[in-house]
Amino acid sequence: MKNTENKANLIIEEINKNETDRKITLVLSESKAEKCSTSKVEEIRQIFNTNPKIKDLFKFAINRILRDVFPDNYYNRGAYGEGEMSGIYNLEQEGRSVINKLNTNYSCFCVLLRDVNKVLVSKRQQPISFQNITPTEQINQVKQFVNIIDQYKTRIFNTELSTFQSLMMVLGQTHNWGQKREDTTVEILKKQFGQDNVNAVGNCVRFR
């Protein structure tokens, strides 16, 4: 009798878990891909600058999560090609993916915070906030934040859902801006040091 009851409880738990997962997926996909407002991004930028520990915790957690979610696309330093850094390759395009820049991008931090809080609110839990609390409390909040990202990583980094699409939209835009600056820098350095003495390798400018 007890074994039957235990089996029934396990089945009920599995049904409840599947229903919860379905609702979370719905929450993460119900809105269109969009960036955070300028004011919200500025709030995160200030938090990153005033409490660098938050940025470090976020960076290391995202690096690990991306390796977990995209194991077939992850290469150690030099494994993909000479001079190439560790990271995700051949995801949205051939070569190094822009998603590698997510770990220090405060606009993406803002997108993730917004969508994670949607999930928490849908579960009637307290949203994560970094405002009007001490630096130590902020660190505790970011630990909770990255734990939730880790918990729902296969849904958050699902190419068909709006959260992932929002992240890639932000990263694509900032990558294009950065690439233009890099190209301009390389051209200026080539004029100064010679065409054959400056080369961009692995997202770094190198001299010969």
Protein backbone atom coordinates (compact mmCIF):
# COMPACT_ATOMS: atom_id res chain seq x y z
CA MET A 1 0.00 0.00 0.00
CA LYS A 2 2.81 2.36 0.96
CA ASN A 3 4.71 1.62 -2.28
CA THR A 4 1.60 2.40 -4.30
CA GLU A 5 1.16 5.67 -2.42
CA ASN A 6 4.81 6.62 -3.02
CA LYS A 7 4.49 5.88 -6.73
CA ALA A 8 1.34 7.99 -6.91
CA ASN A 9 3.08 10.88 -5.17
CA LEU A 10 6.02 10.66 -7.60
CA ILE A 11 3.62 10.74 -10.56
CA ILE A 12 1.83 13.78 -9.11
CA GLU A 13 5.17 15.54 -8.54
CA GLU A 14 6.18 14.84 -12.15
CA ILE A 15 2.87 16.16 -13.45
CA ASN A 16 3.21 19.32 -11.34
CA LYS A 17 6.81 19.80 -12.50
CA ASN A 18 5.83 19.45 -16.17
CA GLU A 19 2.99 21.92 -15.67
CA THR A 20 5.34 24.39 -13.96
CA ASP A 21 7.90 24.00 -16.76
CA ARG A 22 5.18 24.60 -19.35
CA LYS A 23 4.05 27.79 -17.61
CA ILE A 24 7.63 29.07 -17.31
CA THR A 25 8.27 28.45 -21.01
CA LEU A 26 5.06 30.35 -21.76
CA VAL A 27 6.16 33.30 -19.61
CA LEU A 28 9.56 33.42 -21.33
CA SER A 29 8.01 33.35 -24.80
CA GLU A 30 4.87 35.43 -24.41
CA SER A 31 6.48 38.79 -25.26
CA LYS A 32 8.32 39.91 -28.39
CA ALA A 33 12.08 40.29 -28.51
CA GLU A 34 12.99 43.70 -27.12
CA LYS A 35 15.73 45.59 -25.33
CA CYS A 36 15.50 47.20 -21.90
CA SER A 37 14.82 50.91 -21.66
CA THR A 38 17.80 53.27 -21.60
CA SER A 39 17.08 54.19 -17.98
CA LYS A 40 17.03 50.55 -16.86
CA VAL A 41 20.29 49.82 -18.66
CA GLU A 42 21.87 52.86 -17.01
CA GLU A 43 20.82 51.53 -13.60
CA ILE A 44 22.64 48.27 -14.29
CA ARG A 45 25.71 50.10 -15.61
CA GLN A 46 25.94 52.07 -12.38
CA ILE A 47 25.56 48.91 -10.30
CA PHE A 48 28.34 47.20 -12.28
CA ASN A 49 30.61 50.21 -11.73
CA THR A 50 29.91 50.69 -8.02
CA ASN A 51 29.89 47.00 -7.09
CA PRO A 52 32.34 45.13 -9.40
CA LYS A 53 31.74 41.87 -7.51
CA ILE A 54 28.32 41.69 -9.19
CA LYS A 55 29.93 41.82 -12.62
CA ASP A 56 32.46 39.14 -11.67
CA LEU A 57 29.82 36.75 -10.30
CA PHE A 58 27.65 37.25 -13.38
CA LYS A 59 30.61 36.77 -15.75
CA PHE A 60 31.82 33.47 -14.27
CA ALA A 61 28.28 32.08 -13.97
CA ILE A 62 27.39 32.93 -17.58
CA ASN A 63 30.63 31.39 -18.87
CA ARG A 64 29.77 28.12 -17.12
CA ILE A 65 26.12 28.18 -18.19
CA LEU A 66 26.98 28.77 -21.85
CA ARG A 67 29.38 25.80 -21.78
CA ASP A 68 26.56 23.68 -20.34
CA VAL A 69 23.92 24.81 -22.83
CA PHE A 70 26.09 24.74 -25.95
CA PRO A 71 28.65 21.95 -25.31
CA ASP A 72 29.03 21.13 -29.01
CA ASN A 73 29.86 24.77 -29.77
CA TYR A 74 32.38 25.34 -27.00
CA TYR A 75 36.12 25.36 -27.77
CA ASN A 76 39.05 25.86 -25.42
CA ARG A 77 41.65 28.51 -26.19
CA GLY A 78 43.35 27.79 -29.52
CA ALA A 79 41.21 24.71 -30.26
CA TYR A 80 39.05 26.44 -32.87
CA GLY A 81 41.96 28.20 -34.53
CA GLU A 82 45.30 29.81 -33.86
CA GLY A 83 44.91 32.86 -31.65
CA GLU A 84 41.23 32.22 -30.94
CA MET A 85 40.04 32.54 -27.34
CA SER A 86 37.93 30.03 -25.42
CA GLY A 87 34.23 30.36 -26.05
CA ILE A 88 31.20 29.53 -28.20
CA TYR A 89 31.65 29.17 -31.96
CA ASN A 90 29.42 28.41 -34.97
CA LEU A 91 26.18 29.33 -33.21
CA GLU A 92 24.33 32.11 -35.06
CA GLN A 93 27.14 32.37 -37.64
CA GLU A 94 30.34 30.65 -38.63
CA GLY A 95 33.19 31.50 -36.30
CA ARG A 96 33.15 33.13 -32.89
CA SER A 97 29.64 33.86 -31.62
CA VAL A 98 28.57 37.24 -30.29
CA ILE A 99 27.04 35.38 -27.33
CA ASN A 100 30.53 35.26 -25.79
CA LYS A 101 30.11 38.97 -25.00
CA LEU A 102 27.00 38.35 -22.91
CA ASN A 103 29.01 37.77 -19.72
CA THR A 104 29.99 41.45 -19.33
CA ASN A 105 27.15 43.14 -21.17
CA TYR A 106 24.97 45.16 -18.78
CA SER A 107 22.22 45.54 -21.40
CA CYS A 108 21.92 41.74 -21.52
CA PHE A 109 22.06 41.59 -17.72
CA CYS A 110 19.05 43.90 -17.79
CA VAL A 111 17.16 41.71 -20.29
CA LEU A 112 17.80 38.60 -18.20
CA LEU A 113 16.79 40.37 -14.99
CA ARG A 114 13.57 41.59 -16.57
CA ASP A 115 12.58 38.15 -17.86
CA VAL A 116 13.67 36.25 -14.75
CA ASN A 117 11.52 38.61 -12.69
CA LYS A 118 8.57 37.82 -14.97
CA VAL A 119 9.00 34.17 -14.05
CA LEU A 120 9.27 34.97 -10.32
CA VAL A 121 6.15 37.15 -10.41
CA SER A 122 4.25 34.41 -12.28
CA LYS A 123 5.20 32.05 -9.42
CA ARG A 124 4.19 34.70 -6.86
CA GLN A 125 7.75 35.06 -5.62
CA GLN A 126 9.67 38.21 -4.73
CA PRO A 127 11.37 39.77 -7.80
CA ILE A 128 15.11 40.36 -7.71
CA SER A 129 16.15 43.97 -7.19
CA PHE A 130 19.48 45.72 -6.70
CA GLN A 131 18.08 49.11 -5.74
CA ASN A 132 18.22 50.67 -2.25
CA ILE A 133 20.10 47.79 -0.64
CA THR A 134 23.65 47.37 0.68
CA PRO A 135 26.51 46.06 -1.50
CA THR A 136 26.45 42.78 0.44
CA GLU A 137 22.72 42.41 -0.16
CA GLN A 138 23.32 43.13 -3.85
CA ILE A 139 25.83 40.28 -3.98
CA ASN A 140 23.28 37.94 -2.40
CA GLN A 141 20.73 39.05 -4.96
CA VAL A 142 23.05 38.37 -7.92
CA LYS A 143 23.82 34.90 -6.50
CA GLN A 144 20.09 34.18 -6.46
CA PHE A 145 19.80 35.67 -9.94
CA VAL A 146 22.45 33.46 -11.55
CA ASN A 147 21.09 30.40 -9.73
CA ILE A 148 17.71 31.01 -11.36
CA ILE A 149 19.34 31.52 -14.76
CA ASP A 150 21.15 28.22 -14.24
CA GLN A 151 17.92 26.51 -13.22
CA TYR A 152 16.08 27.64 -16.36
CA LYS A 153 19.08 27.83 -18.71
CA THR A 154 17.69 25.43 -21.33
CA ARG A 155 14.61 27.63 -21.67
CA ILE A 156 16.35 31.00 -21.45
CA PHE A 157 18.90 29.99 -24.10
CA ASN A 158 16.32 28.47 -26.42
CA THR A 159 16.69 30.02 -29.89
CA GLU A 160 12.91 29.97 -30.40
CA LEU A 161 12.04 32.01 -27.30
CA SER A 162 11.94 35.78 -27.01
CA THR A 163 14.49 36.05 -24.17
CA PHE A 164 17.24 34.49 -26.28
CA GLN A 165 16.20 36.56 -29.29
CA SER A 166 16.35 39.74 -27.19
CA LEU A 167 19.84 38.85 -25.99
CA MET A 168 21.11 38.15 -29.51
CA MET A 169 19.55 41.37 -30.81
CA VAL A 170 21.35 43.41 -28.15
CA LEU A 171 24.64 41.55 -28.67
CA GLY A 172 24.43 41.85 -32.44
CA GLN A 173 23.97 45.59 -32.20
CA THR A 174 26.81 46.15 -29.73
CA HIS A 175 29.07 43.80 -31.73
CA ASN A 176 28.51 45.85 -34.88
CA TRP A 177 29.38 49.05 -33.03
CA GLY A 178 32.49 47.44 -31.57
CA GLN A 179 33.55 45.97 -34.91
CA LYS A 180 33.36 49.37 -36.55
CA ARG A 181 35.58 50.85 -33.80
CA GLU A 182 38.04 47.96 -34.15
CA ASP A 183 38.22 48.30 -37.94
CA THR A 184 38.84 52.03 -37.61
CA THR A 185 41.56 51.43 -34.99
CA VAL A 186 43.32 48.84 -37.19
CA GLU A 187 43.32 51.20 -40.16
CA ILE A 188 44.80 54.03 -38.08
CA LEU A 189 47.51 51.74 -36.67
CA LYS A 190 48.36 50.41 -40.13
CA LYS A 191 48.89 53.93 -41.39
CA GLN A 192 51.16 54.60 -38.40
CA PHE A 193 53.15 51.32 -38.31
CA GLY A 194 52.72 49.89 -41.81
CA GLN A 195 50.15 47.65 -43.53
CA ASP A 196 52.07 44.43 -42.83
CA ASN A 197 52.84 45.18 -39.18
CA VAL A 198 49.32 45.26 -37.71
CA ASN A 199 46.79 42.44 -37.73
CA ALA A 200 43.51 41.65 -35.93
CA VAL A 201 43.59 38.09 -34.56
CA GLY A 202 41.08 36.52 -32.17
CA ASN A 203 39.36 39.87 -31.54
CA CYS A 204 42.70 41.42 -30.54
CA VAL A 205 44.96 43.82 -32.40
CA ARG A 206 48.48 42.45 -32.73
CA PHE A 207 51.76 43.91 -33.97
CA ARG A 208 54.43 42.07 -35.92
